[in-house]
Amino acid sequence: MAEKAVTQVEMMKIIGLFRKEGFTGEYETFQRVSGTDREFFVVMSNEQGIKALFKASLMLNTVEFQYVLDDKHTFVQEDADAS
């Protein structure tokens, strides 16, 4: 079963959650959490180029920090063309 792409409307709602919580930075990627339509993983970077993974829930209106992406922690996006 292919994962649905995150829509522009969902992205705007997620960005709204981040802004409401006072987060600033560049939004790198948005990915739907497997098995749900209302939770997303978001990679953000700050002005120093440090990237972090967050979990955003449109159902609970929450943003949760997961971890900083570094050599030990990376965020792998599945290739849509891979079988």
Protein backbone atom coordinates (compact mmCIF):
# COMPACT_ATOMS: atom_id res chain seq x y z
CA MET A 1 0.00 0.00 0.00
CA ALA A 2 1.51 3.32 -1.07
CA GLU A 3 1.70 6.12 1.46
CA LYS A 4 -0.33 9.22 0.63
CA ALA A 5 1.72 12.34 0.01
CA VAL A 6 1.37 15.15 2.52
CA THR A 7 -0.94 17.76 0.99
CA GLN A 8 -0.32 21.51 0.88
CA VAL A 9 -3.25 22.06 3.27
CA GLU A 10 -1.77 19.58 5.76
CA MET A 11 1.64 21.26 5.45
CA MET A 12 0.12 24.67 6.22
CA LYS A 13 -1.68 23.26 9.28
CA ILE A 14 1.56 21.63 10.49
CA ILE A 15 3.51 24.88 9.99
CA GLY A 16 0.78 26.67 11.94
CA LEU A 17 1.31 24.25 14.86
CA PHE A 18 5.06 24.88 14.81
CA ARG A 19 4.59 28.66 14.75
CA LYS A 20 2.02 28.48 17.56
CA GLU A 21 4.64 26.64 19.66
CA GLY A 22 7.29 29.25 18.80
CA PHE A 23 9.46 27.10 16.52
CA THR A 24 11.42 28.86 13.79
CA GLY A 25 13.57 27.44 11.02
CA GLU A 26 13.38 25.89 7.59
CA TYR A 27 11.01 23.00 6.95
CA GLU A 28 13.03 20.33 5.14
CA THR A 29 10.65 17.38 4.75
CA PHE A 30 7.16 16.27 5.71
CA GLN A 31 6.24 12.59 5.91
CA ARG A 32 3.06 10.92 7.07
CA VAL A 33 3.49 8.58 10.05
CA SER A 34 2.74 5.06 8.86
CA GLY A 35 -0.78 3.91 9.71
CA THR A 36 -2.24 7.33 10.46
CA ASP A 37 -3.75 10.24 8.54
CA ARG A 38 -3.24 12.91 11.21
CA GLU A 39 0.37 12.48 12.40
CA PHE A 40 3.51 13.51 10.55
CA PHE A 41 7.28 13.48 10.86
CA VAL A 42 8.86 16.82 10.05
CA VAL A 43 12.56 17.59 9.60
CA MET A 44 13.49 21.19 10.40
CA SER A 45 16.82 22.98 10.25
CA ASN A 46 17.90 26.12 12.07
CA GLU A 47 20.15 28.98 10.94
CA GLN A 48 23.25 26.99 11.97
CA GLY A 49 22.21 24.12 9.69
CA ILE A 50 21.39 21.75 12.56
CA LYS A 51 18.54 19.44 11.60
CA ALA A 52 16.03 17.90 13.99
CA LEU A 53 13.16 15.45 13.65
CA PHE A 54 9.78 16.35 15.12
CA LYS A 55 6.46 14.52 15.29
CA ALA A 56 3.43 16.72 14.65
CA SER A 57 -0.12 15.62 15.41
CA LEU A 58 -3.03 17.44 13.81
CA MET A 59 -5.37 15.30 15.91
CA LEU A 60 -3.85 16.43 19.24
CA ASN A 61 -2.50 19.80 18.00
CA THR A 62 0.96 18.96 19.34
CA VAL A 63 4.56 19.11 18.21
CA GLU A 64 7.06 16.75 19.84
CA PHE A 65 10.83 16.91 19.45
CA GLN A 66 12.23 13.46 18.58
CA TYR A 67 16.01 13.91 18.13
CA VAL A 68 18.76 15.86 16.38
CA LEU A 69 19.76 14.38 13.05
CA ASP A 70 23.48 13.64 13.01
CA ASP A 71 25.81 10.77 12.09
CA LYS A 72 24.02 8.44 14.53
CA HIS A 73 20.48 9.64 13.75
CA THR A 74 19.39 10.07 10.16
CA PHE A 75 16.01 10.44 8.52
CA VAL A 76 15.53 8.09 5.58
CA GLN A 77 12.78 8.78 3.12
CA GLU A 78 11.62 5.76 1.19
CA ASP A 79 12.17 5.99 -2.54
CA ALA A 80 8.71 6.09 -4.14
CA ASP A 81 10.03 4.16 -7.16
CA ALA A 82 11.58 1.34 -5.10
CA SER A 83 9.72 -1.95 -5.01
